[in-house]
N, C-alpha and C. Protein backbone atom coordinates (compact mmCIF):
# COMPACT_ATOMS: atom_id res chain seq x y z
N MET A 1 84.13 180.64 80.10
CA MET A 1 84.77 179.50 80.96
C MET A 1 85.51 178.89 81.14
N MET A 2 86.90 178.81 82.35
CA MET A 2 87.62 177.72 82.10
C MET A 2 86.94 176.42 81.94
N SER A 3 87.88 175.38 81.44
CA SER A 3 87.74 174.10 81.22
C SER A 3 88.10 173.52 82.51
N ARG A 4 87.64 172.49 84.13
CA ARG A 4 88.46 171.82 85.25
C ARG A 4 89.12 170.20 84.69
N SER A 5 89.67 170.29 85.50
CA SER A 5 90.76 169.11 85.41
C SER A 5 90.36 167.98 85.25
N GLU A 6 90.56 167.23 84.61
CA GLU A 6 89.33 165.56 85.06
C GLU A 6 90.97 164.55 85.38
N PRO A 7 90.31 163.88 86.76
CA PRO A 7 90.93 163.14 87.64
C PRO A 7 91.35 161.90 86.61
N ALA A 8 92.37 161.58 86.24
CA ALA A 8 92.67 160.37 85.45
C ALA A 8 93.28 159.19 86.97
N PRO A 9 93.25 157.52 85.62
CA PRO A 9 93.30 156.83 86.83
C PRO A 9 94.68 156.25 86.59
N ASP A 10 95.02 155.70 87.35
CA ASP A 10 96.20 154.93 88.00
C ASP A 10 96.57 155.47 88.73
N GLY A 11 96.97 157.05 89.28
CA GLY A 11 97.54 158.03 89.79
C GLY A 11 98.03 158.84 89.22
N ALA A 12 97.20 158.35 87.81
CA ALA A 12 98.12 159.90 87.05
C ALA A 12 98.08 161.00 87.14
N PRO A 13 98.59 162.07 87.00
CA PRO A 13 97.84 163.54 87.40
C PRO A 13 96.56 163.60 86.50
N ALA A 14 96.24 164.85 86.80
CA ALA A 14 95.28 165.01 86.24
C ALA A 14 95.79 166.45 85.18
N THR A 15 94.53 165.80 83.84
CA THR A 15 95.25 167.14 82.92
C THR A 15 93.92 168.03 82.63
N GLY A 16 94.48 168.98 81.47
CA GLY A 16 93.86 170.00 81.49
C GLY A 16 93.88 171.63 80.14
N PRO A 17 93.13 171.05 79.44
CA PRO A 17 94.00 173.17 78.35
C PRO A 17 94.21 173.98 79.49
N ASN A 18 93.62 174.63 81.33
CA ASN A 18 94.72 175.45 81.41
C ASN A 18 95.32 175.36 82.90
N ARG A 19 95.58 174.33 82.96
CA ARG A 19 96.84 173.70 84.10
C ARG A 19 98.07 174.38 83.50
N LEU A 20 98.86 174.66 83.83
CA LEU A 20 99.94 175.29 83.46
C LEU A 20 101.16 174.46 84.69
N VAL A 21 101.65 173.93 84.17
CA VAL A 21 103.01 172.67 85.71
C VAL A 21 105.04 174.17 85.44
N PRO A 22 105.27 174.26 86.46
CA PRO A 22 106.22 175.34 85.62
C PRO A 22 107.66 174.00 85.69
N ARG A 23 108.37 174.99 84.77
CA ARG A 23 109.90 173.93 84.53
C ARG A 23 111.12 174.00 84.20
N PHE A 24 111.18 175.49 84.31
CA PHE A 24 112.03 175.74 84.55
C PHE A 24 112.16 176.81 85.64
N THR A 25 113.42 177.37 86.29
CA THR A 25 113.43 178.53 86.93
C THR A 25 113.94 179.91 86.27
N PRO A 26 114.07 180.79 87.00
CA PRO A 26 114.59 181.98 86.41
C PRO A 26 116.05 181.96 86.11
N ALA A 27 116.64 180.97 86.78
CA ALA A 27 118.43 180.90 87.19
C ALA A 27 118.39 179.92 85.43
N GLU A 28 118.00 178.66 86.39
CA GLU A 28 118.11 177.69 84.49
C GLU A 28 117.48 178.27 83.01
N ARG A 29 116.92 179.10 83.66
CA ARG A 29 116.34 180.33 81.30
C ARG A 29 117.76 180.43 81.38
N TRP A 30 118.20 181.21 82.42
CA TRP A 30 119.28 181.99 81.92
C TRP A 30 120.71 181.50 81.54
N VAL A 31 120.76 180.54 82.79
CA VAL A 31 122.02 179.63 81.76
C VAL A 31 121.97 179.24 80.73
N HIS A 32 120.70 178.59 79.92
CA HIS A 32 120.21 178.45 78.85
C HIS A 32 120.32 179.30 77.98
N ARG A 33 120.01 180.89 78.69
CA ARG A 33 120.30 181.38 76.90
C ARG A 33 121.84 182.96 77.21
N GLY A 34 122.42 182.29 78.87
CA GLY A 34 123.93 181.97 78.54
C GLY A 34 124.64 181.71 77.26
N VAL A 35 124.71 180.72 77.69
CA VAL A 35 125.41 179.72 76.40
C VAL A 35 124.57 179.61 75.17
N ALA A 36 123.61 179.82 75.48
CA ALA A 36 123.56 179.85 73.79
C ALA A 36 123.71 181.42 73.07
N VAL A 37 123.34 182.33 74.03
CA VAL A 37 124.32 183.20 73.05
C VAL A 37 125.56 183.65 72.73
N LEU A 38 126.87 182.68 73.87
CA LEU A 38 128.10 182.55 73.83
C LEU A 38 127.85 181.29 71.84
N MET A 39 127.68 180.14 72.32
CA MET A 39 128.07 179.55 71.28
C MET A 39 127.47 179.99 70.10
N GLY A 40 126.67 180.35 69.92
CA GLY A 40 126.41 181.49 68.91
C GLY A 40 127.37 181.81 67.96
N ILE A 41 127.93 182.67 68.92
CA ILE A 41 128.82 183.94 68.91
C ILE A 41 130.43 183.17 68.74
N CYS A 42 130.42 181.86 69.75
CA CYS A 42 131.49 181.31 68.32
C CYS A 42 131.70 180.78 67.10
N LEU A 43 129.95 180.20 67.29
CA LEU A 43 130.14 179.52 65.73
C LEU A 43 130.02 180.57 64.55
N LEU A 44 129.35 181.61 64.36
CA LEU A 44 129.10 183.29 64.00
C LEU A 44 130.11 183.30 63.61
N THR A 45 131.60 183.84 64.48
CA THR A 45 132.83 183.99 64.21
C THR A 45 133.72 183.50 63.26
N ALA A 46 133.66 182.03 64.27
CA ALA A 46 134.29 181.32 63.49
C ALA A 46 133.47 180.80 62.10
N ALA A 47 132.47 181.31 61.31
CA ALA A 47 132.06 180.59 60.19
C ALA A 47 132.98 182.25 59.92
N GLY A 48 133.13 183.48 60.33
CA GLY A 48 133.60 184.21 59.33
C GLY A 48 135.50 184.34 59.69
N LEU A 49 135.86 183.77 59.57
CA LEU A 49 137.28 183.66 60.63
C LEU A 49 137.59 182.05 59.79
N TYR A 50 136.61 181.41 58.62
CA TYR A 50 137.14 180.14 58.54
C TYR A 50 136.92 179.73 57.10
N VAL A 51 135.55 180.15 56.58
CA VAL A 51 134.81 179.87 55.53
C VAL A 51 134.72 181.16 54.45
N GLY A 52 135.99 180.92 53.73
CA GLY A 52 136.36 181.34 52.73
C GLY A 52 135.04 182.85 52.25
N PRO A 53 134.60 183.05 51.89
CA PRO A 53 133.74 183.78 50.60
C PRO A 53 133.36 184.16 51.88
N ILE A 54 132.72 183.60 53.58
CA ILE A 54 131.73 184.41 54.36
C ILE A 54 132.72 185.38 55.12
N ALA A 55 134.30 185.26 55.15
CA ALA A 55 135.45 186.03 55.82
C ALA A 55 136.17 187.14 54.03
N VAL A 56 135.58 186.97 53.76
CA VAL A 56 135.27 188.02 52.61
C VAL A 56 134.50 189.11 52.81
N LEU A 57 133.80 188.67 52.33
CA LEU A 57 132.38 189.34 52.73
C LEU A 57 132.60 190.55 54.02
N VAL A 58 132.62 189.40 55.18
CA VAL A 58 132.47 189.73 56.16
C VAL A 58 133.67 190.80 56.89
N GLY A 59 134.94 190.64 56.62
CA GLY A 59 136.18 191.04 56.81
C GLY A 59 136.93 191.23 58.38
N ARG A 60 137.73 191.81 59.26
CA ARG A 60 137.06 192.63 60.14
C ARG A 60 137.95 191.45 60.92
N ARG A 61 138.83 190.84 60.04
CA ARG A 61 139.32 188.79 60.94
C ARG A 61 139.64 189.73 62.11
N GLU A 62 140.37 190.42 62.66
CA GLU A 62 141.13 189.80 63.66
C GLU A 62 139.52 190.92 65.00
N LEU A 63 139.14 191.61 64.51
CA LEU A 63 138.05 191.62 65.62
C LEU A 63 137.22 190.43 65.52
N LEU A 64 136.62 189.32 64.93
CA LEU A 64 136.25 188.20 64.97
C LEU A 64 137.00 187.45 65.50
N LYS A 65 138.31 187.36 66.22
CA LYS A 65 139.26 186.32 66.07
C LYS A 65 138.72 186.66 67.33
N THR A 66 139.20 188.05 68.23
CA THR A 66 139.33 188.18 69.35
C THR A 66 137.22 188.40 69.89
N LEU A 67 136.14 188.22 69.35
CA LEU A 67 135.50 187.89 69.90
C LEU A 67 134.58 186.38 70.41
N HIS A 68 135.47 185.45 69.01
CA HIS A 68 135.33 183.84 68.99
C HIS A 68 135.80 183.73 70.52
N VAL A 69 137.64 184.29 70.74
CA VAL A 69 138.34 183.85 71.81
C VAL A 69 137.86 183.48 73.16
N TYR A 70 136.59 185.28 73.67
CA TYR A 70 136.78 185.69 74.95
C TYR A 70 135.52 184.96 74.73
N ALA A 71 134.06 185.13 73.49
CA ALA A 71 133.00 184.48 73.42
C ALA A 71 133.32 182.69 74.41
N GLY A 72 134.48 182.57 73.60
CA GLY A 72 134.14 180.95 73.97
C GLY A 72 134.99 180.55 74.69
N LEU A 73 136.19 181.94 75.84
CA LEU A 73 136.20 181.25 77.33
C LEU A 73 135.23 181.46 78.14
N ALA A 74 134.17 182.19 77.94
CA ALA A 74 133.22 182.47 79.04
C ALA A 74 132.04 181.23 78.53
N LEU A 75 132.34 180.76 77.84
CA LEU A 75 131.80 179.75 77.44
C LEU A 75 130.92 179.02 78.89
N PRO A 76 131.74 178.70 80.03
CA PRO A 76 131.31 177.70 81.15
C PRO A 76 131.55 178.46 81.74
N LEU A 77 131.02 180.00 82.17
CA LEU A 77 130.74 180.99 83.13
C LEU A 77 129.00 180.37 83.26
N PRO A 78 127.95 180.17 82.24
CA PRO A 78 126.91 180.31 82.80
C PRO A 78 126.94 179.13 83.24
N ILE A 79 126.76 178.01 83.29
CA ILE A 79 127.31 176.98 83.67
C ILE A 79 127.63 176.98 85.00
N LEU A 80 128.65 177.92 85.62
CA LEU A 80 129.35 177.97 87.26
C LEU A 80 128.00 178.61 87.46
N PHE A 81 128.15 180.00 86.71
CA PHE A 81 126.96 180.54 87.85
C PHE A 81 125.31 179.88 88.34
N GLY A 82 125.13 178.90 87.57
CA GLY A 82 124.41 177.66 87.09
C GLY A 82 124.21 176.95 88.52
N LEU A 83 124.75 176.85 88.66
CA LEU A 83 125.04 175.99 90.09
C LEU A 83 124.70 176.70 91.76
N LEU A 84 125.51 178.16 91.50
CA LEU A 84 124.52 178.78 92.34
C LEU A 84 123.07 178.37 92.69
N SER A 85 122.42 177.68 91.94
CA SER A 85 121.16 177.26 91.83
C SER A 85 120.66 176.25 92.60
N LYS A 86 119.46 175.70 93.79
CA LYS A 86 119.22 174.34 93.54
C LYS A 86 118.41 173.12 92.67
N ALA A 87 117.79 173.94 91.79
CA ALA A 87 116.87 174.01 90.56
C ALA A 87 117.81 173.26 89.58
N PHE A 88 119.13 174.09 89.25
CA PHE A 88 119.44 173.61 88.40
C PHE A 88 120.47 172.33 88.74
N ARG A 89 121.07 172.57 89.88
CA ARG A 89 121.51 171.63 90.32
C ARG A 89 121.12 170.27 90.10
N ALA A 90 119.55 169.99 90.83
CA ALA A 90 118.89 169.24 90.62
C ALA A 90 118.55 169.02 89.55
N ASP A 91 119.02 169.20 88.04
CA ASP A 91 118.19 168.77 87.27
C ASP A 91 120.03 169.09 86.15
N LEU A 92 121.12 169.14 86.71
CA LEU A 92 122.69 168.07 86.63
C LEU A 92 122.27 166.89 87.09
N SER A 93 121.81 166.76 87.90
CA SER A 93 121.66 165.15 88.07
C SER A 93 120.64 164.20 87.92
N ARG A 94 119.60 165.08 86.93
CA ARG A 94 118.77 163.91 86.04
C ARG A 94 119.19 164.15 84.86
N PHE A 95 120.40 165.24 84.34
CA PHE A 95 121.00 164.31 82.89
C PHE A 95 121.54 163.40 83.23
N ASN A 96 122.54 163.00 84.55
CA ASN A 96 123.72 162.14 84.39
C ASN A 96 122.85 161.13 85.06
N ARG A 97 121.54 160.38 85.25
CA ARG A 97 120.83 159.47 84.64
C ARG A 97 121.03 158.27 83.80
N PHE A 98 120.23 157.78 83.27
CA PHE A 98 119.73 156.68 82.99
C PHE A 98 119.26 155.26 83.31
N ALA A 99 117.73 155.89 83.16
CA ALA A 99 116.98 154.70 83.58
C ALA A 99 116.83 153.51 82.06
N PRO A 100 115.98 152.52 82.88
CA PRO A 100 116.04 151.62 81.74
C PRO A 100 114.50 152.15 81.06
N ALA A 101 113.65 152.94 81.51
CA ALA A 101 112.90 153.89 80.02
C ALA A 101 113.11 154.71 79.72
N ASP A 102 114.61 154.81 79.57
CA ASP A 102 115.27 155.57 78.52
C ASP A 102 115.84 155.01 77.21
N TRP A 103 115.89 153.34 78.12
CA TRP A 103 116.73 152.71 76.63
C TRP A 103 115.72 152.16 75.97
N SER A 104 114.24 152.21 76.68
CA SER A 104 113.44 151.70 75.55
C SER A 104 112.67 152.81 75.16
N TRP A 105 112.76 154.21 76.00
CA TRP A 105 112.26 155.11 74.78
C TRP A 105 113.68 155.44 72.68
N PHE A 106 114.36 155.06 72.92
CA PHE A 106 115.47 154.75 71.85
C PHE A 106 114.67 153.65 70.54
N ARG A 107 114.63 152.77 71.56
CA ARG A 107 113.62 151.27 70.70
C ARG A 107 112.17 151.32 70.75
N SER A 108 111.33 152.45 70.87
CA SER A 108 110.07 152.73 70.66
C SER A 108 110.39 153.70 68.98
N LYS A 109 108.59 153.67 68.66
CA LYS A 109 108.32 154.05 67.81
C LYS A 109 107.33 154.65 67.94
N ASP A 110 106.44 154.51 69.73
CA ASP A 110 105.08 155.69 69.83
C ASP A 110 106.53 156.54 71.39
N ARG A 111 106.81 157.02 71.44
CA ARG A 111 108.62 157.50 71.93
C ARG A 111 107.35 158.29 72.60
N ARG A 112 106.16 159.14 72.04
CA ARG A 112 105.92 160.68 72.37
C ARG A 112 104.56 159.97 73.10
N SER A 113 103.72 159.31 73.09
CA SER A 113 102.67 158.92 73.59
C SER A 113 102.31 159.31 75.13
N GLY A 114 103.25 158.79 75.66
CA GLY A 114 103.01 159.25 76.88
C GLY A 114 102.49 158.11 77.53
N ARG A 115 103.73 156.60 77.08
CA ARG A 115 103.06 155.50 77.61
C ARG A 115 104.67 155.13 78.05
N ILE A 116 105.83 155.25 77.46
CA ILE A 116 107.02 155.13 78.48
C ILE A 116 107.43 156.19 79.78
N PRO A 117 107.88 155.92 80.52
CA PRO A 117 107.89 156.61 82.29
C PRO A 117 108.74 157.85 82.24
N ILE A 118 109.02 158.42 81.03
CA ILE A 118 110.06 159.25 80.08
C ILE A 118 110.32 160.51 81.55
N GLY A 119 111.21 161.15 82.40
CA GLY A 119 111.86 162.07 83.69
C GLY A 119 111.34 163.27 82.41
N LYS A 120 112.10 164.09 83.53
CA LYS A 120 112.33 165.71 83.28
C LYS A 120 112.89 165.31 81.69
N PHE A 121 113.68 165.13 81.79
CA PHE A 121 114.45 165.20 80.12
C PHE A 121 114.40 163.31 79.27
N ASN A 122 113.62 163.13 78.87
CA ASN A 122 114.94 162.28 77.21
C ASN A 122 115.65 162.26 77.53
N PRO A 123 116.18 160.60 76.43
CA PRO A 123 117.44 160.60 76.30
C PRO A 123 118.02 161.54 75.64
N GLY A 124 117.69 161.80 74.69
CA GLY A 124 118.03 162.74 73.21
C GLY A 124 118.50 163.65 74.49
N GLN A 125 117.67 164.47 75.04
CA GLN A 125 118.24 165.66 75.47
C GLN A 125 119.15 165.53 76.31
N LYS A 126 119.22 164.57 77.25
CA LYS A 126 120.30 163.82 78.01
C LYS A 126 121.92 163.62 76.99
N LEU A 127 121.18 162.93 76.03
CA LEU A 127 122.83 162.93 76.19
C LEU A 127 123.14 164.12 74.58
N ASN A 128 121.88 165.61 74.31
CA ASN A 128 122.79 165.98 73.97
C ASN A 128 123.12 167.59 75.06
N ALA A 129 122.72 166.87 76.30
CA ALA A 129 123.55 168.25 76.76
C ALA A 129 124.92 167.22 78.10
N ALA A 130 125.05 166.77 77.67
CA ALA A 130 126.25 165.80 78.02
C ALA A 130 127.59 166.01 77.23
N PHE A 131 127.04 166.01 75.21
CA PHE A 131 128.14 166.13 74.85
C PHE A 131 128.26 167.51 74.10
N ILE A 132 127.16 168.76 75.16
CA ILE A 132 127.79 170.19 74.93
C ILE A 132 128.34 170.20 75.78
N ALA A 133 128.10 169.90 76.86
CA ALA A 133 128.88 170.05 78.23
C ALA A 133 130.63 170.00 78.01
N GLY A 134 131.05 168.09 77.52
CA GLY A 134 131.97 167.78 77.24
C GLY A 134 132.75 168.74 76.03
N ALA A 135 131.85 168.65 74.78
CA ALA A 135 132.44 169.83 74.08
C ALA A 135 133.27 171.16 74.80
N ILE A 136 131.93 171.84 75.41
CA ILE A 136 132.96 173.06 76.29
C ILE A 136 133.78 173.14 76.40
N LEU A 137 134.57 172.24 77.83
CA LEU A 137 135.77 171.66 78.59
C LEU A 137 136.23 171.65 76.75
N VAL A 138 136.89 171.03 75.93
CA VAL A 138 137.38 170.80 75.45
C VAL A 138 137.84 171.71 74.25
N MET A 139 136.87 172.53 73.72
CA MET A 139 137.18 173.44 73.06
C MET A 139 137.87 174.64 73.52
N VAL A 140 137.71 174.69 74.79
CA VAL A 140 138.48 176.12 76.05
C VAL A 140 140.19 175.59 75.86
N GLY A 141 140.03 174.63 76.49
CA GLY A 141 140.99 173.66 76.29
C GLY A 141 142.18 174.07 75.13
N THR A 142 141.29 173.30 74.61
CA THR A 142 142.25 173.82 73.04
C THR A 142 142.40 174.71 72.47
N GLY A 143 141.40 175.81 72.42
CA GLY A 143 141.69 176.69 71.99
C GLY A 143 142.76 177.81 72.82
N ILE A 144 142.38 177.69 74.24
CA ILE A 144 143.67 178.54 75.11
C ILE A 144 145.07 177.88 74.52
N VAL A 145 145.16 176.68 74.22
CA VAL A 145 146.47 176.57 73.38
C VAL A 145 146.92 176.91 71.65
N LEU A 146 145.54 177.22 70.58
CA LEU A 146 145.58 177.64 69.82
C LEU A 146 145.29 179.78 69.70
N GLY A 147 145.34 180.02 71.37
CA GLY A 147 145.00 181.74 70.90
C GLY A 147 146.54 181.56 71.74
N TRP A 148 146.93 181.40 72.97
CA TRP A 148 148.30 181.50 73.04
C TRP A 148 149.60 180.63 72.76
N PRO A 149 149.94 180.49 71.47
CA PRO A 149 150.87 178.94 71.55
C PRO A 149 151.54 179.47 71.84
N ASP A 150 152.78 180.23 72.61
CA ASP A 150 153.91 179.88 71.92
C ASP A 150 154.29 178.95 73.16
N PRO A 151 153.92 178.75 74.32
CA PRO A 151 154.56 177.71 75.36
C PRO A 151 154.20 176.51 74.88
N TRP A 152 153.57 176.08 74.35
CA TRP A 152 153.06 175.16 73.30
C TRP A 152 154.24 174.69 72.43
N PRO A 153 154.62 172.52 72.74
CA PRO A 153 155.73 172.84 71.24
C PRO A 153 154.67 172.72 70.28
N LEU A 154 155.43 172.17 69.50
CA LEU A 154 153.99 171.83 67.93
C LEU A 154 153.48 170.36 68.06
N TRP A 155 153.81 169.33 68.50
CA TRP A 155 152.71 168.81 68.87
C TRP A 155 151.60 168.60 69.16
N VAL A 156 151.51 169.28 70.20
CA VAL A 156 150.78 170.14 70.77
C VAL A 156 149.28 170.83 70.57
N ARG A 157 150.41 171.79 69.64
CA ARG A 157 149.82 172.96 69.12
C ARG A 157 148.38 172.04 67.56
N GLN A 158 149.78 171.77 67.10
CA GLN A 158 148.99 170.23 65.89
C GLN A 158 147.89 169.18 66.80
N GLY A 159 147.70 169.00 67.35
CA GLY A 159 146.81 168.27 67.98
C GLY A 159 145.52 169.24 68.01
N ALA A 160 145.75 170.41 68.86
CA ALA A 160 144.96 171.28 69.63
C ALA A 160 144.03 171.71 67.83
N THR A 161 144.75 172.05 67.22
CA THR A 161 144.29 172.61 65.71
C THR A 161 142.86 171.10 65.19
N PHE A 162 144.00 170.09 64.99
CA PHE A 162 143.10 168.89 64.90
C PHE A 162 141.71 168.96 65.54
N VAL A 163 141.66 168.35 66.70
CA VAL A 163 141.01 168.52 68.28
C VAL A 163 139.70 169.67 67.43
N HIS A 164 140.01 170.66 68.12
CA HIS A 164 139.00 171.78 67.70
C HIS A 164 138.18 172.12 66.58
N ASP A 165 139.19 172.32 65.46
CA ASP A 165 138.42 171.72 64.09
C ASP A 165 137.26 171.20 64.01
N TRP A 166 137.67 169.63 64.21
CA TRP A 166 136.78 168.74 64.03
C TRP A 166 135.72 168.67 65.28
N LEU A 167 136.24 169.23 66.13
CA LEU A 167 135.35 168.86 67.26
C LEU A 167 133.68 169.67 67.29
N ALA A 168 134.32 171.15 66.68
CA ALA A 168 133.52 172.59 66.41
C ALA A 168 133.15 171.97 65.24
N ALA A 169 133.15 170.67 64.36
CA ALA A 169 132.56 170.53 62.80
C ALA A 169 131.19 169.88 63.53
N ALA A 170 131.95 168.72 64.21
CA ALA A 170 130.42 168.29 65.53
C ALA A 170 129.66 168.65 66.28
N VAL A 171 129.39 170.14 66.66
CA VAL A 171 128.57 170.91 67.86
C VAL A 171 127.92 171.21 66.42
N VAL A 172 128.48 172.08 65.59
CA VAL A 172 128.07 172.14 63.92
C VAL A 172 126.23 171.80 63.59
N LEU A 173 126.48 170.30 63.41
CA LEU A 173 125.64 168.91 63.67
C LEU A 173 125.00 168.79 65.01
N THR A 174 125.89 169.37 65.93
CA THR A 174 124.92 168.83 66.67
C THR A 174 124.06 169.96 67.57
N VAL A 175 124.57 171.33 67.17
CA VAL A 175 123.51 172.82 66.62
C VAL A 175 122.12 172.55 66.42
N ALA A 176 123.03 172.06 65.38
CA ALA A 176 121.77 171.96 63.47
C ALA A 176 120.18 171.37 63.93
N GLY A 177 121.16 169.93 64.69
CA GLY A 177 119.67 169.15 64.66
C GLY A 177 118.98 169.61 66.43
N HIS A 178 119.57 170.13 67.17
CA HIS A 178 119.06 170.22 68.37
C HIS A 178 118.08 171.65 68.08
N LEU A 179 118.14 172.31 67.03
CA LEU A 179 117.47 173.60 66.30
C LEU A 179 116.01 173.23 65.68
N TRP A 180 116.39 171.58 65.28
CA TRP A 180 115.79 172.01 64.18
C TRP A 180 115.13 170.80 65.57
N PHE A 181 114.67 170.02 66.05
CA PHE A 181 114.01 169.55 66.94
C PHE A 181 113.50 170.53 67.67
N ALA A 182 113.97 171.57 68.62
CA ALA A 182 112.42 172.86 69.42
C ALA A 182 112.41 173.26 68.21
N SER A 183 112.18 173.38 66.94
CA SER A 183 111.05 174.18 65.62
C SER A 183 110.33 173.09 66.07
N ASN A 184 109.82 172.13 66.09
CA ASN A 184 109.17 171.23 65.73
C ASN A 184 108.22 171.12 67.10
N ASP A 185 108.98 171.70 68.07
CA ASP A 185 107.91 171.87 69.46
C ASP A 185 108.37 172.93 69.99
N PRO A 186 106.64 173.15 69.71
CA PRO A 186 106.94 174.45 70.03
C PRO A 186 106.58 174.56 71.60
N VAL A 187 105.55 174.38 72.65
CA VAL A 187 105.54 173.81 73.74
C VAL A 187 106.96 174.43 74.36
N ALA A 188 107.98 173.48 74.07
CA ALA A 188 108.96 173.36 74.28
C ALA A 188 109.66 174.76 74.68
N ARG A 189 110.08 174.73 73.39
CA ARG A 189 110.92 176.66 73.46
C ARG A 189 110.09 177.82 74.33
N SER A 190 108.51 176.63 74.48
CA SER A 190 107.74 177.93 75.19
C SER A 190 107.79 177.52 76.75
N GLY A 191 108.70 176.64 77.09
CA GLY A 191 108.95 176.30 78.34
C GLY A 191 110.10 177.09 78.94
N LEU A 192 110.73 177.34 77.68
CA LEU A 192 112.08 177.74 78.01
C LEU A 192 112.51 179.22 78.15
N ARG A 193 111.07 180.04 77.70
CA ARG A 193 110.93 181.59 77.45
C ARG A 193 110.41 181.54 78.84
N THR A 194 109.09 181.19 79.15
CA THR A 194 107.87 181.47 80.38
C THR A 194 108.52 180.96 81.26
N GLY A 195 108.92 179.32 81.40
CA GLY A 195 109.14 179.01 82.85
C GLY A 195 107.68 177.81 82.44
N THR A 196 107.41 177.51 82.04
CA THR A 196 105.81 177.06 82.43
C THR A 196 105.69 175.84 80.94
N VAL A 197 104.65 175.15 81.20
CA VAL A 197 104.23 174.41 80.43
C VAL A 197 103.24 173.48 80.84
N PRO A 198 102.14 172.99 79.65
CA PRO A 198 100.40 172.76 79.77
C PRO A 198 100.98 170.94 80.96
N LEU A 199 100.18 170.73 81.16
CA LEU A 199 100.35 169.42 81.82
C LEU A 199 100.15 169.06 81.15
N ASP A 200 98.48 168.98 80.33
CA ASP A 200 99.01 167.64 79.47
C ASP A 200 99.99 167.62 78.67
N TRP A 201 100.73 168.39 78.43
CA TRP A 201 102.56 168.36 77.31
C TRP A 201 103.22 167.03 78.07
N ALA A 202 103.28 167.50 79.62
CA ALA A 202 103.62 167.01 80.29
C ALA A 202 104.04 165.77 80.73
N VAL A 203 102.48 165.37 80.43
CA VAL A 203 102.32 164.06 80.78
C VAL A 203 102.28 163.45 79.80
N ARG A 204 102.23 163.90 78.23
CA ARG A 204 102.29 162.83 76.87
C ARG A 204 104.69 163.14 77.17
N GLU A 205 104.29 163.82 77.03
CA GLU A 205 105.98 163.88 77.10
C GLU A 205 107.27 163.35 77.92
N HIS A 206 107.03 164.00 79.11
CA HIS A 206 107.49 163.74 80.23
C HIS A 206 106.29 162.88 81.27
N PRO A 207 106.14 161.70 81.15
CA PRO A 207 104.63 161.68 82.24
C PRO A 207 105.41 160.99 83.38
N ALA A 208 106.85 160.45 83.63
CA ALA A 208 107.24 159.94 85.31
C ALA A 208 106.78 161.59 85.92
N TRP A 209 107.69 162.94 85.01
CA TRP A 209 108.34 163.96 85.78
C TRP A 209 107.27 164.55 85.82
N ALA A 210 106.10 164.66 85.53
CA ALA A 210 104.34 164.93 85.73
C ALA A 210 104.12 164.02 86.61
N ARG A 211 103.96 162.84 86.65
CA ARG A 211 103.45 162.69 88.00
C ARG A 211 104.25 162.70 89.12
N GLU A 212 105.42 163.28 89.18
CA GLU A 212 106.30 163.63 90.60
C GLU A 212 105.91 164.49 90.98
N HIS A 213 105.63 166.03 89.69
CA HIS A 213 105.67 167.48 90.15
C HIS A 213 104.11 166.60 91.15
N GLU A 214 103.06 166.63 90.08
CA GLU A 214 101.90 166.15 90.52
C GLU A 214 101.48 165.50 92.06
N THR A 215 102.69 164.37 92.66
CA THR A 215 102.57 163.94 93.63
C THR A 215 103.43 165.32 95.00
N GLY A 216 104.46 165.32 94.26
CA GLY A 216 104.66 167.22 94.90
C GLY A 216 103.41 167.92 95.26
N ARG A 217 102.63 168.80 94.41
CA ARG A 217 102.32 169.53 94.76
C ARG A 217 101.33 168.79 95.51
N ARG A 218 100.45 167.77 95.52
CA ARG A 218 99.99 167.14 96.82
C ARG A 218 100.68 167.07 98.11
N SER A 219 101.46 166.89 97.85
CA SER A 219 102.18 166.78 99.14
C SER A 219 102.41 168.47 100.03
N GLY A 220 102.78 169.26 99.37
CA GLY A 220 102.86 170.29 99.25
C GLY A 220 104.46 170.95 99.08
N THR A 221 105.16 170.20 98.80
CA THR A 221 106.55 170.13 98.35
C THR A 221 107.09 171.20 97.67
N VAL A 222 106.15 171.48 96.86
CA VAL A 222 106.19 171.83 94.98
C VAL A 222 105.10 173.44 94.68
N GLY A 223 104.96 174.00 94.19
CA GLY A 223 104.33 175.14 94.10
C GLY A 223 103.10 174.10 93.19
N PRO A 224 101.92 175.14 93.31
CA PRO A 224 101.00 174.69 92.05
C PRO A 224 100.36 174.04 90.85
């Protein structure tokens, strides 16, 4: 027999082990997957090009270089296609706003207790998304200079090499941190895979967003 959700006090959403709420649309999930695949190709081929033991083991430098260049040039495409989705554009606006609760989240030791009214994305996710978006633009720009060096003066090529290499190192660290946090939150991973999350998890991790969803559900502006 299915458990029934019980009403919560103070206007908070009702929770229950069987309640699922929609978190990401198919378009949003495909944007994430597209960026993840292309970023993975860029990082793996970079390792094959610049890390000596890996380069010797893999060989086929020209193939790796071609894959690296064109995967890098394609990195903005999933995001550009995502702009066709209203839900994706709405999430971009969420990423661009820092609320007072976000600063409290950084200072708090019980940030995952549901006490702080965090929206759909916590501030760590917002900073990660902002950094990756900016890094993609810079990496594509510097990559174009490195891939087609003839029109550019020497000082531009040297600057592009410096920025590209050091930013790539920062991206590696950021992606590693992102994967580490994701490995510790199977529900968040499931949400990106299936598009839904348990309401219990939403109330604990993103209480303001869970409340927003329940308000919209009751008014008929969102689905069940």
